[in-house]
Amino acid sequence: MKRRDILCGTLAVALAGAAPAISIRPIARPKGGKIRVAFLVSSSADVIDLAGPWETFQDVMIGDEMPFELMAISETTSIVEMTGGLRVEPTYSFDGLDAWPHVIVVGAQSNGSPKVMELLQRAQGRVDITMSVCTGAFKLAKAGILDGKSATTHHEFYDDFAKQFPKVNLVRGERFVDNGSIITAGGLTSGISAALHVVARYYDTETAARTAAYMEFVPTARPA
């Protein structure tokens, strides 16, 4: 068996990490321009929750083209200090967005302001995917967009999540859960697995596997 076939097979198993035998539901790519991915950042945002998916999307190559356009968004464009002291200057403020992105990524962070809630609520039906990583799922649940849906989060926060959001079906022990237009990932590196799944939905599992191989990313076991 060729190494590429092994990679594709391994990743296909990892991409099925949300509910039993999830299928890859294709997303129509924009007819003109790139697939725009906006990362929500605010004070104490976890670095790998942003950096893992960011690296994944930026490493996708279709021929000689990079099909994803990445940006950081926040309430203002003032510099944000993330975990460990990494300082990031957002590309756009919420009010400065000239068009809705195709994907919004929300990692663990402290900001759950009314403006953030409004952004997440208004995005539904306007973006292809809203994706959370780690405890970013708490923000999506607080906005009410997970009610009646299945979701996951960091394994150390399962019980807290279940108590706070009884209208959400908490899924334990999965790398990510795909609800179609909303994807929630578990902790930290699970965001890479979820981002690869998004790549597969826009393109195919071979493109996702090729990206994972370039990153030297080997999908890990699901959290207990």
N, C-alpha and C. Protein backbone atom coordinates (compact mmCIF):
# COMPACT_ATOMS: atom_id res chain seq x y z
N MET A 1 0.85 -1.20 0.00
CA MET A 1 0.00 0.00 0.00
C MET A 1 0.88 1.24 0.00
N LYS A 2 0.56 2.20 -0.84
CA LYS A 2 1.34 3.42 -0.91
C LYS A 2 1.13 4.29 0.33
N ARG A 3 2.18 5.06 0.66
CA ARG A 3 2.11 5.93 1.85
C ARG A 3 0.93 6.88 1.75
N ARG A 4 0.65 7.42 0.54
CA ARG A 4 -0.46 8.35 0.39
C ARG A 4 -1.79 7.66 0.68
N ASP A 5 -1.91 6.39 0.28
CA ASP A 5 -3.15 5.65 0.56
C ASP A 5 -3.32 5.44 2.05
N ILE A 6 -2.18 5.17 2.74
CA ILE A 6 -2.24 5.00 4.20
C ILE A 6 -2.69 6.29 4.87
N LEU A 7 -2.10 7.42 4.41
CA LEU A 7 -2.47 8.72 4.98
C LEU A 7 -3.94 9.01 4.77
N CYS A 8 -4.42 8.75 3.56
CA CYS A 8 -5.83 9.03 3.27
C CYS A 8 -6.74 8.16 4.13
N GLY A 9 -6.34 6.88 4.29
CA GLY A 9 -7.15 5.99 5.11
C GLY A 9 -7.16 6.40 6.56
N THR A 10 -5.98 6.76 7.09
CA THR A 10 -5.87 7.20 8.48
C THR A 10 -6.68 8.45 8.72
N LEU A 11 -6.57 9.41 7.81
CA LEU A 11 -7.30 10.65 7.99
C LEU A 11 -8.80 10.44 7.84
N ALA A 12 -9.20 9.53 6.95
CA ALA A 12 -10.62 9.27 6.79
C ALA A 12 -11.23 8.79 8.10
N VAL A 13 -10.46 7.96 8.83
CA VAL A 13 -10.93 7.51 10.14
C VAL A 13 -11.05 8.69 11.10
N ALA A 14 -10.02 9.56 11.09
CA ALA A 14 -10.03 10.73 11.98
C ALA A 14 -11.17 11.67 11.63
N LEU A 15 -11.44 11.83 10.33
CA LEU A 15 -12.51 12.74 9.92
C LEU A 15 -13.87 12.18 10.27
N ALA A 16 -13.93 10.90 10.59
CA ALA A 16 -15.18 10.31 11.02
C ALA A 16 -15.36 10.41 12.52
N GLY A 17 -14.62 11.34 13.15
CA GLY A 17 -14.61 11.42 14.60
C GLY A 17 -15.77 12.15 15.21
N ALA A 18 -16.88 12.25 14.53
CA ALA A 18 -18.05 12.91 15.09
C ALA A 18 -19.26 12.06 14.83
N ALA A 19 -19.74 11.36 15.85
CA ALA A 19 -20.88 10.47 15.72
C ALA A 19 -20.49 9.27 14.87
N PRO A 20 -21.25 8.19 14.92
CA PRO A 20 -20.87 7.00 14.18
C PRO A 20 -20.89 7.21 12.68
N ALA A 21 -19.77 6.92 12.04
CA ALA A 21 -19.66 6.91 10.57
C ALA A 21 -20.24 8.16 9.92
N ILE A 22 -19.79 9.32 10.37
CA ILE A 22 -20.26 10.55 9.75
C ILE A 22 -19.79 10.62 8.30
N SER A 23 -20.64 11.11 7.43
CA SER A 23 -20.26 11.26 6.03
C SER A 23 -19.70 12.66 5.81
N ILE A 24 -18.91 12.80 4.76
CA ILE A 24 -18.36 14.10 4.41
C ILE A 24 -19.37 14.81 3.53
N ARG A 25 -20.00 15.84 4.07
CA ARG A 25 -21.02 16.57 3.32
C ARG A 25 -20.37 17.75 2.60
N PRO A 26 -20.34 17.70 1.27
CA PRO A 26 -19.63 18.75 0.52
C PRO A 26 -20.24 20.13 0.73
N ILE A 27 -19.37 21.14 0.70
CA ILE A 27 -19.80 22.54 0.74
C ILE A 27 -19.41 23.16 -0.60
N ALA A 28 -20.34 23.88 -1.20
CA ALA A 28 -20.05 24.55 -2.47
C ALA A 28 -19.04 25.66 -2.24
N ARG A 29 -17.98 25.66 -3.02
CA ARG A 29 -16.96 26.70 -2.91
C ARG A 29 -17.44 27.97 -3.59
N PRO A 30 -16.97 29.13 -3.12
CA PRO A 30 -17.36 30.38 -3.77
C PRO A 30 -16.91 30.39 -5.24
N LYS A 31 -17.74 30.93 -6.10
CA LYS A 31 -17.44 30.92 -7.53
C LYS A 31 -16.30 31.87 -7.88
N GLY A 32 -16.18 32.91 -7.12
CA GLY A 32 -15.09 33.86 -7.34
C GLY A 32 -14.40 34.19 -6.03
N GLY A 33 -13.09 34.28 -6.04
CA GLY A 33 -12.37 34.62 -4.82
C GLY A 33 -12.09 33.42 -3.94
N LYS A 34 -11.49 33.70 -2.81
CA LYS A 34 -11.05 32.65 -1.90
C LYS A 34 -12.10 32.35 -0.83
N ILE A 35 -11.89 31.24 -0.13
CA ILE A 35 -12.73 30.87 1.00
C ILE A 35 -12.23 31.65 2.21
N ARG A 36 -13.05 32.56 2.70
CA ARG A 36 -12.62 33.47 3.76
C ARG A 36 -12.91 32.87 5.13
N VAL A 37 -11.86 32.78 5.96
CA VAL A 37 -11.98 32.21 7.30
C VAL A 37 -11.63 33.28 8.32
N ALA A 38 -12.56 33.59 9.20
CA ALA A 38 -12.36 34.61 10.23
C ALA A 38 -12.20 33.95 11.58
N PHE A 39 -11.12 34.30 12.28
CA PHE A 39 -10.83 33.77 13.61
C PHE A 39 -11.17 34.84 14.64
N LEU A 40 -12.10 34.53 15.52
CA LEU A 40 -12.48 35.45 16.58
C LEU A 40 -11.40 35.47 17.66
N VAL A 41 -10.86 36.64 17.96
CA VAL A 41 -9.83 36.74 19.00
C VAL A 41 -10.23 37.80 20.02
N SER A 42 -9.89 37.53 21.27
CA SER A 42 -10.10 38.49 22.34
C SER A 42 -9.12 38.16 23.46
N SER A 43 -9.18 38.91 24.54
CA SER A 43 -8.25 38.72 25.64
C SER A 43 -8.23 37.28 26.11
N SER A 44 -7.03 36.74 26.34
CA SER A 44 -6.82 35.38 26.85
C SER A 44 -7.24 34.30 25.87
N ALA A 45 -7.38 34.64 24.59
CA ALA A 45 -7.68 33.62 23.59
C ALA A 45 -6.54 32.61 23.57
N ASP A 46 -6.89 31.33 23.50
CA ASP A 46 -5.87 30.29 23.53
C ASP A 46 -5.14 30.22 22.19
N VAL A 47 -3.82 30.22 22.25
CA VAL A 47 -3.01 30.32 21.03
C VAL A 47 -3.23 29.14 20.09
N ILE A 48 -3.17 27.90 20.58
CA ILE A 48 -3.25 26.77 19.67
C ILE A 48 -4.65 26.60 19.09
N ASP A 49 -5.67 27.08 19.81
CA ASP A 49 -7.03 27.03 19.26
C ASP A 49 -7.13 27.84 17.97
N LEU A 50 -6.36 28.92 17.91
CA LEU A 50 -6.31 29.73 16.70
C LEU A 50 -5.23 29.24 15.75
N ALA A 51 -4.03 29.00 16.29
CA ALA A 51 -2.89 28.68 15.44
C ALA A 51 -3.02 27.33 14.74
N GLY A 52 -3.63 26.34 15.42
CA GLY A 52 -3.77 25.02 14.81
C GLY A 52 -4.62 25.06 13.54
N PRO A 53 -5.88 25.53 13.63
CA PRO A 53 -6.69 25.65 12.41
C PRO A 53 -6.11 26.65 11.41
N TRP A 54 -5.51 27.74 11.90
CA TRP A 54 -4.91 28.74 10.99
C TRP A 54 -3.85 28.08 10.12
N GLU A 55 -2.94 27.34 10.76
CA GLU A 55 -1.88 26.65 10.02
C GLU A 55 -2.48 25.65 9.04
N THR A 56 -3.53 24.96 9.46
CA THR A 56 -4.16 23.97 8.59
C THR A 56 -4.69 24.63 7.32
N PHE A 57 -5.46 25.68 7.47
CA PHE A 57 -6.06 26.33 6.30
C PHE A 57 -4.99 26.97 5.40
N GLN A 58 -3.95 27.53 6.02
CA GLN A 58 -2.94 28.21 5.21
C GLN A 58 -2.06 27.21 4.45
N ASP A 59 -2.03 25.96 4.90
CA ASP A 59 -1.19 24.96 4.25
C ASP A 59 -1.90 24.21 3.12
N VAL A 60 -3.18 24.48 2.93
CA VAL A 60 -3.90 23.84 1.82
C VAL A 60 -3.43 24.45 0.50
N MET A 61 -3.06 23.59 -0.42
CA MET A 61 -2.65 24.04 -1.75
C MET A 61 -3.46 23.30 -2.81
N ILE A 62 -4.05 24.07 -3.71
CA ILE A 62 -4.74 23.50 -4.87
C ILE A 62 -3.94 23.92 -6.09
N GLY A 63 -3.12 23.01 -6.60
CA GLY A 63 -2.16 23.40 -7.62
C GLY A 63 -1.13 24.33 -6.97
N ASP A 64 -1.01 25.51 -7.53
CA ASP A 64 -0.09 26.51 -6.96
C ASP A 64 -0.83 27.58 -6.17
N GLU A 65 -2.10 27.36 -5.92
CA GLU A 65 -2.93 28.37 -5.27
C GLU A 65 -3.24 28.01 -3.83
N MET A 66 -3.28 29.05 -2.97
CA MET A 66 -3.75 28.90 -1.60
C MET A 66 -5.20 29.36 -1.58
N PRO A 67 -6.16 28.45 -1.44
CA PRO A 67 -7.57 28.79 -1.62
C PRO A 67 -8.24 29.47 -0.43
N PHE A 68 -7.57 29.46 0.74
CA PHE A 68 -8.19 30.06 1.93
C PHE A 68 -7.56 31.42 2.23
N GLU A 69 -8.41 32.38 2.53
CA GLU A 69 -7.96 33.71 2.96
C GLU A 69 -8.28 33.85 4.44
N LEU A 70 -7.28 34.11 5.26
CA LEU A 70 -7.43 34.10 6.70
C LEU A 70 -7.38 35.50 7.30
N MET A 71 -8.14 35.69 8.35
CA MET A 71 -8.18 36.99 9.02
C MET A 71 -8.53 36.79 10.49
N ALA A 72 -8.09 37.72 11.32
CA ALA A 72 -8.47 37.75 12.73
C ALA A 72 -9.46 38.88 12.93
N ILE A 73 -10.55 38.61 13.65
CA ILE A 73 -11.55 39.64 13.89
C ILE A 73 -11.80 39.78 15.38
N SER A 74 -12.15 40.98 15.79
CA SER A 74 -12.44 41.25 17.20
C SER A 74 -13.39 42.44 17.27
N GLU A 75 -13.79 42.81 18.46
CA GLU A 75 -14.71 43.94 18.60
C GLU A 75 -14.08 45.22 18.08
N THR A 76 -12.76 45.36 18.28
CA THR A 76 -12.02 46.50 17.76
C THR A 76 -10.73 45.95 17.12
N THR A 77 -9.96 46.81 16.50
CA THR A 77 -8.68 46.38 15.94
C THR A 77 -7.52 46.64 16.89
N SER A 78 -7.83 46.91 18.15
CA SER A 78 -6.77 47.08 19.15
C SER A 78 -6.06 45.74 19.37
N ILE A 79 -4.78 45.81 19.70
CA ILE A 79 -3.98 44.60 19.90
C ILE A 79 -4.56 43.77 21.04
N VAL A 80 -4.64 42.46 20.81
CA VAL A 80 -5.18 41.51 21.77
C VAL A 80 -4.04 40.66 22.33
N GLU A 81 -3.99 40.49 23.65
CA GLU A 81 -2.99 39.62 24.25
C GLU A 81 -3.59 38.24 24.51
N MET A 82 -3.03 37.26 23.81
CA MET A 82 -3.51 35.89 23.94
C MET A 82 -2.75 35.17 25.06
N THR A 83 -3.03 33.87 25.24
CA THR A 83 -2.36 33.11 26.29
C THR A 83 -0.86 33.10 26.06
N GLY A 84 -0.12 33.19 27.16
CA GLY A 84 1.33 33.19 27.07
C GLY A 84 1.93 34.52 26.67
N GLY A 85 1.07 35.53 26.47
CA GLY A 85 1.56 36.86 26.14
C GLY A 85 1.70 37.17 24.66
N LEU A 86 1.29 36.23 23.78
CA LEU A 86 1.33 36.51 22.34
C LEU A 86 0.36 37.64 22.01
N ARG A 87 0.86 38.65 21.32
CA ARG A 87 0.04 39.82 20.99
C ARG A 87 -0.33 39.80 19.51
N VAL A 88 -1.61 39.95 19.24
CA VAL A 88 -2.15 39.86 17.89
C VAL A 88 -2.95 41.11 17.57
N GLU A 89 -2.75 41.66 16.39
CA GLU A 89 -3.54 42.80 15.93
C GLU A 89 -4.63 42.29 14.98
N PRO A 90 -5.90 42.38 15.38
CA PRO A 90 -6.98 41.89 14.52
C PRO A 90 -6.97 42.58 13.15
N THR A 91 -7.33 41.80 12.15
CA THR A 91 -7.41 42.33 10.79
C THR A 91 -8.58 43.29 10.65
N TYR A 92 -9.72 42.90 11.23
CA TYR A 92 -10.94 43.69 11.13
C TYR A 92 -11.65 43.75 12.48
N SER A 93 -12.37 44.83 12.71
CA SER A 93 -13.33 44.88 13.80
C SER A 93 -14.64 44.30 13.26
N PHE A 94 -15.55 43.96 14.17
CA PHE A 94 -16.85 43.45 13.73
C PHE A 94 -17.51 44.44 12.78
N ASP A 95 -17.47 45.71 13.13
CA ASP A 95 -18.12 46.73 12.30
C ASP A 95 -17.37 46.97 11.00
N GLY A 96 -16.08 46.57 10.96
CA GLY A 96 -15.28 46.83 9.78
C GLY A 96 -15.30 45.73 8.74
N LEU A 97 -16.00 44.63 9.03
CA LEU A 97 -16.10 43.55 8.05
C LEU A 97 -16.87 44.03 6.83
N ASP A 98 -16.27 43.92 5.65
CA ASP A 98 -16.95 44.38 4.45
C ASP A 98 -17.87 43.31 3.86
N ALA A 99 -17.72 42.07 4.31
CA ALA A 99 -18.58 40.97 3.86
C ALA A 99 -18.46 39.84 4.87
N TRP A 100 -19.48 39.00 4.92
CA TRP A 100 -19.42 37.86 5.83
C TRP A 100 -18.37 36.88 5.35
N PRO A 101 -17.58 36.31 6.26
CA PRO A 101 -16.66 35.24 5.86
C PRO A 101 -17.45 33.98 5.55
N HIS A 102 -16.77 32.99 5.02
CA HIS A 102 -17.42 31.71 4.77
C HIS A 102 -17.36 30.81 6.01
N VAL A 103 -16.32 31.01 6.83
CA VAL A 103 -16.13 30.21 8.04
C VAL A 103 -15.75 31.13 9.19
N ILE A 104 -16.33 30.91 10.36
CA ILE A 104 -15.93 31.61 11.58
C ILE A 104 -15.40 30.58 12.56
N VAL A 105 -14.21 30.85 13.12
CA VAL A 105 -13.60 29.93 14.10
C VAL A 105 -13.55 30.63 15.46
N VAL A 106 -14.07 29.96 16.49
CA VAL A 106 -14.12 30.52 17.84
C VAL A 106 -13.40 29.58 18.79
N GLY A 107 -12.24 29.98 19.27
CA GLY A 107 -11.50 29.17 20.24
C GLY A 107 -11.81 29.59 21.66
N ALA A 108 -11.12 28.97 22.61
CA ALA A 108 -11.28 29.34 24.02
C ALA A 108 -10.79 30.77 24.22
N GLN A 109 -11.59 31.58 24.91
CA GLN A 109 -11.24 32.97 25.19
C GLN A 109 -12.23 33.53 26.21
N SER A 110 -11.89 34.68 26.74
CA SER A 110 -12.70 35.21 27.84
C SER A 110 -13.92 35.99 27.37
N ASN A 111 -13.86 36.57 26.21
CA ASN A 111 -14.91 37.50 25.79
C ASN A 111 -16.19 36.78 25.38
N GLY A 112 -17.26 37.04 26.13
CA GLY A 112 -18.57 36.54 25.76
C GLY A 112 -19.56 37.67 25.78
N SER A 113 -19.14 38.84 25.28
CA SER A 113 -19.93 40.06 25.35
C SER A 113 -21.17 39.98 24.46
N PRO A 114 -22.14 40.87 24.68
CA PRO A 114 -23.32 40.91 23.81
C PRO A 114 -22.97 41.06 22.33
N LYS A 115 -21.90 41.79 22.03
CA LYS A 115 -21.51 41.96 20.62
C LYS A 115 -21.04 40.64 20.01
N VAL A 116 -20.33 39.85 20.80
CA VAL A 116 -19.90 38.53 20.32
C VAL A 116 -21.11 37.64 20.09
N MET A 117 -22.04 37.65 21.05
CA MET A 117 -23.26 36.85 20.92
C MET A 117 -24.05 37.26 19.67
N GLU A 118 -24.16 38.56 19.46
CA GLU A 118 -24.90 39.07 18.30
C GLU A 118 -24.23 38.63 17.00
N LEU A 119 -22.89 38.71 16.97
CA LEU A 119 -22.16 38.29 15.77
C LEU A 119 -22.44 36.83 15.45
N LEU A 120 -22.36 35.97 16.46
CA LEU A 120 -22.57 34.55 16.24
C LEU A 120 -24.00 34.25 15.81
N GLN A 121 -24.95 34.95 16.39
CA GLN A 121 -26.35 34.74 16.02
C GLN A 121 -26.63 35.22 14.60
N ARG A 122 -26.12 36.38 14.25
CA ARG A 122 -26.35 36.93 12.91
C ARG A 122 -25.64 36.13 11.83
N ALA A 123 -24.56 35.46 12.21
CA ALA A 123 -23.79 34.70 11.22
C ALA A 123 -24.54 33.48 10.71
N GLN A 124 -25.48 32.97 11.53
CA GLN A 124 -26.19 31.75 11.13
C GLN A 124 -27.04 32.01 9.88
N GLY A 125 -26.83 31.17 8.89
CA GLY A 125 -27.53 31.35 7.62
C GLY A 125 -26.77 32.25 6.66
N ARG A 126 -25.73 32.92 7.17
CA ARG A 126 -24.92 33.82 6.33
C ARG A 126 -23.54 33.24 6.06
N VAL A 127 -23.04 32.39 6.96
CA VAL A 127 -21.74 31.76 6.76
C VAL A 127 -21.95 30.27 6.50
N ASP A 128 -20.96 29.64 5.89
CA ASP A 128 -21.07 28.20 5.64
C ASP A 128 -20.93 27.41 6.93
N ILE A 129 -19.95 27.79 7.74
CA ILE A 129 -19.66 27.02 8.96
C ILE A 129 -19.27 27.97 10.09
N THR A 130 -19.84 27.72 11.26
CA THR A 130 -19.35 28.29 12.50
C THR A 130 -18.67 27.15 13.25
N MET A 131 -17.40 27.33 13.56
CA MET A 131 -16.62 26.25 14.17
C MET A 131 -16.03 26.70 15.50
N SER A 132 -16.21 25.90 16.53
CA SER A 132 -15.59 26.20 17.81
C SER A 132 -14.47 25.20 18.09
N VAL A 133 -13.53 25.63 18.91
CA VAL A 133 -12.45 24.76 19.37
C VAL A 133 -12.40 24.87 20.89
N CYS A 134 -12.24 23.74 21.56
CA CYS A 134 -12.09 23.71 23.01
C CYS A 134 -13.33 24.34 23.68
N THR A 135 -13.11 25.22 24.65
CA THR A 135 -14.25 25.83 25.35
C THR A 135 -14.88 26.96 24.55
N GLY A 136 -14.45 27.15 23.32
CA GLY A 136 -15.17 28.07 22.43
C GLY A 136 -16.61 27.62 22.26
N ALA A 137 -16.87 26.32 22.49
CA ALA A 137 -18.24 25.81 22.40
C ALA A 137 -19.16 26.49 23.41
N PHE A 138 -18.61 26.94 24.54
CA PHE A 138 -19.42 27.65 25.53
C PHE A 138 -19.98 28.95 24.92
N LYS A 139 -19.18 29.61 24.08
CA LYS A 139 -19.64 30.85 23.44
C LYS A 139 -20.79 30.57 22.48
N LEU A 140 -20.66 29.48 21.70
CA LEU A 140 -21.71 29.13 20.76
C LEU A 140 -22.99 28.76 21.50
N ALA A 141 -22.83 28.02 22.60
CA ALA A 141 -23.99 27.61 23.38
C ALA A 141 -24.65 28.81 24.05
N LYS A 142 -23.83 29.72 24.57
CA LYS A 142 -24.37 30.93 25.20
C LYS A 142 -25.15 31.76 24.20
N ALA A 143 -24.73 31.75 22.95
CA ALA A 143 -25.44 32.50 21.90
C ALA A 143 -26.73 31.81 21.49
N GLY A 144 -26.95 30.57 21.97
CA GLY A 144 -28.19 29.85 21.67
C GLY A 144 -28.18 29.11 20.35
N ILE A 145 -27.04 29.07 19.67
CA ILE A 145 -27.04 28.46 18.34
C ILE A 145 -26.77 26.95 18.39
N LEU A 146 -26.54 26.41 19.60
CA LEU A 146 -26.37 24.96 19.73
C LEU A 146 -27.60 24.28 20.31
N ASP A 147 -28.63 25.04 20.65
CA ASP A 147 -29.83 24.44 21.23
C ASP A 147 -30.40 23.38 20.29
N GLY A 148 -30.66 22.20 20.85
CA GLY A 148 -31.23 21.11 20.07
C GLY A 148 -30.22 20.38 19.20
N LYS A 149 -28.94 20.75 19.30
CA LYS A 149 -27.89 20.13 18.49
C LYS A 149 -26.91 19.35 19.37
N SER A 150 -26.09 18.54 18.74
CA SER A 150 -25.03 17.84 19.44
C SER A 150 -23.75 18.66 19.37
N ALA A 151 -22.93 18.58 20.40
CA ALA A 151 -21.70 19.37 20.44
C ALA A 151 -20.71 18.73 21.39
N THR A 152 -19.44 19.12 21.25
CA THR A 152 -18.43 18.67 22.19
C THR A 152 -17.56 19.85 22.60
N THR A 153 -16.69 19.61 23.56
CA THR A 153 -15.80 20.65 24.08
C THR A 153 -14.60 19.95 24.71
N HIS A 154 -13.74 20.70 25.39
CA HIS A 154 -12.59 20.09 26.07
C HIS A 154 -13.08 19.11 27.13
N HIS A 155 -12.42 17.95 27.22
CA HIS A 155 -12.92 16.89 28.08
C HIS A 155 -12.97 17.27 29.56
N GLU A 156 -12.14 18.21 30.00
CA GLU A 156 -12.19 18.60 31.41
C GLU A 156 -13.40 19.48 31.74
N PHE A 157 -14.12 19.93 30.70
CA PHE A 157 -15.26 20.83 30.92
C PHE A 157 -16.59 20.19 30.52
N TYR A 158 -16.59 18.87 30.30
CA TYR A 158 -17.83 18.19 29.92
C TYR A 158 -18.95 18.44 30.93
N ASP A 159 -18.66 18.20 32.20
CA ASP A 159 -19.72 18.30 33.21
C ASP A 159 -20.24 19.72 33.34
N ASP A 160 -19.34 20.71 33.33
CA ASP A 160 -19.76 22.10 33.41
C ASP A 160 -20.64 22.47 32.22
N PHE A 161 -20.24 22.01 31.05
CA PHE A 161 -21.01 22.33 29.85
C PHE A 161 -22.41 21.72 29.93
N ALA A 162 -22.47 20.46 30.33
CA ALA A 162 -23.76 19.77 30.42
C ALA A 162 -24.70 20.46 31.40
N LYS A 163 -24.15 20.95 32.52
CA LYS A 163 -24.98 21.62 33.52
C LYS A 163 -25.47 22.98 33.02
N GLN A 164 -24.58 23.72 32.36
CA GLN A 164 -24.94 25.06 31.92
C GLN A 164 -25.88 25.07 30.72
N PHE A 165 -25.75 24.04 29.87
CA PHE A 165 -26.51 24.07 28.61
C PHE A 165 -27.27 22.76 28.40
N PRO A 166 -28.33 22.55 29.18
CA PRO A 166 -29.08 21.29 29.09
C PRO A 166 -29.81 21.11 27.76
N LYS A 167 -29.96 22.17 26.98
CA LYS A 167 -30.63 22.05 25.68
C LYS A 167 -29.70 21.53 24.59
N VAL A 168 -28.42 21.39 24.93
CA VAL A 168 -27.42 20.90 23.97
C VAL A 168 -27.08 19.45 24.31
N ASN A 169 -27.04 18.61 23.30
CA ASN A 169 -26.66 17.21 23.49
C ASN A 169 -25.15 17.10 23.50
N LEU A 170 -24.56 17.00 24.70
CA LEU A 170 -23.10 16.92 24.81
C LEU A 170 -22.61 15.55 24.37
N VAL A 171 -21.64 15.55 23.46
CA VAL A 171 -21.02 14.31 22.98
C VAL A 171 -19.64 14.22 23.61
N ARG A 172 -19.41 13.16 24.34
CA ARG A 172 -18.13 12.96 25.02
C ARG A 172 -17.24 12.01 24.21
N GLY A 173 -15.94 12.27 24.24
CA GLY A 173 -15.00 11.34 23.66
C GLY A 173 -14.83 11.40 22.16
N GLU A 174 -15.19 12.51 21.53
CA GLU A 174 -15.01 12.66 20.09
C GLU A 174 -14.09 13.85 19.80
N ARG A 175 -13.32 13.76 18.72
CA ARG A 175 -12.44 14.87 18.33
C ARG A 175 -13.26 16.08 17.91
N PHE A 176 -14.36 15.86 17.20
CA PHE A 176 -15.23 16.96 16.80
C PHE A 176 -16.60 16.41 16.46
N VAL A 177 -17.57 17.29 16.42
CA VAL A 177 -18.95 16.94 16.08
C VAL A 177 -19.41 17.88 14.97
N ASP A 178 -19.95 17.32 13.91
CA ASP A 178 -20.38 18.10 12.74
C ASP A 178 -21.89 18.12 12.67
N ASN A 179 -22.48 19.31 12.78
CA ASN A 179 -23.92 19.50 12.64
C ASN A 179 -24.29 20.10 11.29
N GLY A 180 -23.37 20.09 10.37
CA GLY A 180 -23.65 20.68 9.06
C GLY A 180 -23.08 22.08 8.97
N SER A 181 -23.80 23.05 9.51
CA SER A 181 -23.33 24.43 9.47
C SER A 181 -22.59 24.82 10.75
N ILE A 182 -22.58 23.94 11.74
CA ILE A 182 -21.86 24.18 12.99
C ILE A 182 -21.01 22.96 13.32
N ILE A 183 -19.72 23.20 13.57
CA ILE A 183 -18.80 22.14 13.96
C ILE A 183 -18.16 22.53 15.29
N THR A 184 -18.20 21.64 16.26
CA THR A 184 -17.54 21.89 17.54
C THR A 184 -16.42 20.88 17.71
N ALA A 185 -15.23 21.37 18.10
CA ALA A 185 -14.08 20.49 18.30
C ALA A 185 -13.78 20.37 19.78
N GLY A 186 -13.10 19.30 20.14
CA GLY A 186 -12.65 19.13 21.52
C GLY A 186 -11.51 20.08 21.82
N GLY A 187 -10.68 19.72 22.76
CA GLY A 187 -9.63 20.63 23.20
C GLY A 187 -8.44 20.73 22.27
N LEU A 188 -7.90 21.95 22.19
CA LEU A 188 -6.57 22.21 21.66
C LEU A 188 -6.34 21.62 20.27
N THR A 189 -5.57 20.52 20.16
CA THR A 189 -5.22 19.98 18.84
C THR A 189 -6.42 19.40 18.10
N SER A 190 -7.53 19.19 18.79
CA SER A 190 -8.75 18.74 18.09
C SER A 190 -9.17 19.74 17.03
N GLY A 191 -8.78 21.02 17.22
CA GLY A 191 -9.11 22.04 16.22
C GLY A 191 -8.46 21.76 14.88
N ILE A 192 -7.29 21.12 14.89
CA ILE A 192 -6.63 20.76 13.64
C ILE A 192 -7.45 19.69 12.92
N SER A 193 -7.90 18.69 13.67
CA SER A 193 -8.73 17.63 13.08
C SER A 193 -10.01 18.21 12.48
N ALA A 194 -10.64 19.14 13.21
CA ALA A 194 -11.87 19.75 12.70
C ALA A 194 -11.60 20.59 11.46
N ALA A 195 -10.48 21.33 11.46
CA ALA A 195 -10.14 22.14 10.29
C ALA A 195 -9.87 21.27 9.07
N LEU A 196 -9.19 20.13 9.27
CA LEU A 196 -8.97 19.20 8.16
C LEU A 196 -10.30 18.66 7.64
N HIS A 197 -11.24 18.44 8.54
CA HIS A 197 -12.58 18.01 8.13
C HIS A 197 -13.25 19.08 7.28
N VAL A 198 -13.08 20.34 7.66
CA VAL A 198 -13.64 21.44 6.86
C VAL A 198 -13.00 21.45 5.47
N VAL A 199 -11.69 21.25 5.42
CA VAL A 199 -10.99 21.17 4.13
C VAL A 199 -11.59 20.06 3.27
N ALA A 200 -11.83 18.90 3.89
CA ALA A 200 -12.42 17.78 3.17
C ALA A 200 -13.82 18.11 2.65
N ARG A 201 -14.57 18.89 3.41
CA ARG A 201 -15.92 19.24 2.97
C ARG A 201 -15.89 20.22 1.80
N TYR A 202 -14.93 21.13 1.79
CA TYR A 202 -14.81 22.05 0.65
C TYR A 202 -14.16 21.37 -0.56
N TYR A 203 -13.26 20.42 -0.31
CA TYR A 203 -12.53 19.77 -1.39
C TYR A 203 -12.77 18.26 -1.32
N ASP A 204 -11.88 17.52 -0.69
CA ASP A 204 -12.03 16.07 -0.55
C ASP A 204 -11.05 15.57 0.49
N THR A 205 -11.18 14.29 0.86
CA THR A 205 -10.32 13.74 1.91
C THR A 205 -8.87 13.65 1.44
N GLU A 206 -8.65 13.48 0.13
CA GLU A 206 -7.28 13.43 -0.36
C GLU A 206 -6.57 14.77 -0.15
N THR A 207 -7.28 15.88 -0.41
CA THR A 207 -6.69 17.20 -0.17
C THR A 207 -6.40 17.39 1.31
N ALA A 208 -7.34 16.95 2.16
CA ALA A 208 -7.13 17.06 3.60
C ALA A 208 -5.95 16.20 4.05
N ALA A 209 -5.83 14.98 3.50
CA ALA A 209 -4.74 14.08 3.87
C ALA A 209 -3.39 14.64 3.42
N ARG A 210 -3.38 15.24 2.24
CA ARG A 210 -2.14 15.84 1.73
C ARG A 210 -1.70 17.00 2.62
N THR A 211 -2.67 17.77 3.10
CA THR A 211 -2.37 18.88 4.01
C THR A 211 -1.85 18.35 5.34
N ALA A 212 -2.49 17.31 5.87
CA ALA A 212 -2.04 16.72 7.13
C ALA A 212 -0.62 16.18 7.01
N ALA A 213 -0.31 15.56 5.86
CA ALA A 213 1.03 15.01 5.65
C ALA A 213 2.07 16.13 5.62
N TYR A 214 1.73 17.24 4.95
CA TYR A 214 2.66 18.37 4.91
C TYR A 214 2.91 18.91 6.32
N MET A 215 1.88 18.96 7.12
CA MET A 215 2.00 19.46 8.49
C MET A 215 2.65 18.44 9.44
N GLU A 216 2.85 17.21 8.95
CA GLU A 216 3.32 16.11 9.80
C GLU A 216 2.39 15.92 10.99
N PHE A 217 1.10 16.04 10.71
CA PHE A 217 0.08 15.88 11.74
C PHE A 217 -0.48 14.47 11.67
N VAL A 218 -0.37 13.74 12.77
CA VAL A 218 -0.92 12.41 12.87
C VAL A 218 -2.10 12.47 13.83
N PRO A 219 -3.32 12.20 13.35
CA PRO A 219 -4.49 12.27 14.23
C PRO A 219 -4.29 11.40 15.47
N THR A 220 -4.63 11.93 16.62
CA THR A 220 -4.43 11.22 17.88
C THR A 220 -5.70 10.50 18.29
N ALA A 221 -5.60 9.72 19.34
CA ALA A 221 -6.76 9.03 19.86
C ALA A 221 -7.77 10.04 20.39
N ARG A 222 -9.02 9.63 20.42
CA ARG A 222 -10.07 10.49 20.94
C ARG A 222 -9.93 10.64 22.46
N PRO A 223 -10.30 11.77 23.02
CA PRO A 223 -10.19 11.94 24.47
C PRO A 223 -11.13 11.02 25.21
N ALA A 224 -10.77 10.64 26.40
CA ALA A 224 -11.62 9.74 27.19
C ALA A 224 -12.79 10.49 27.78
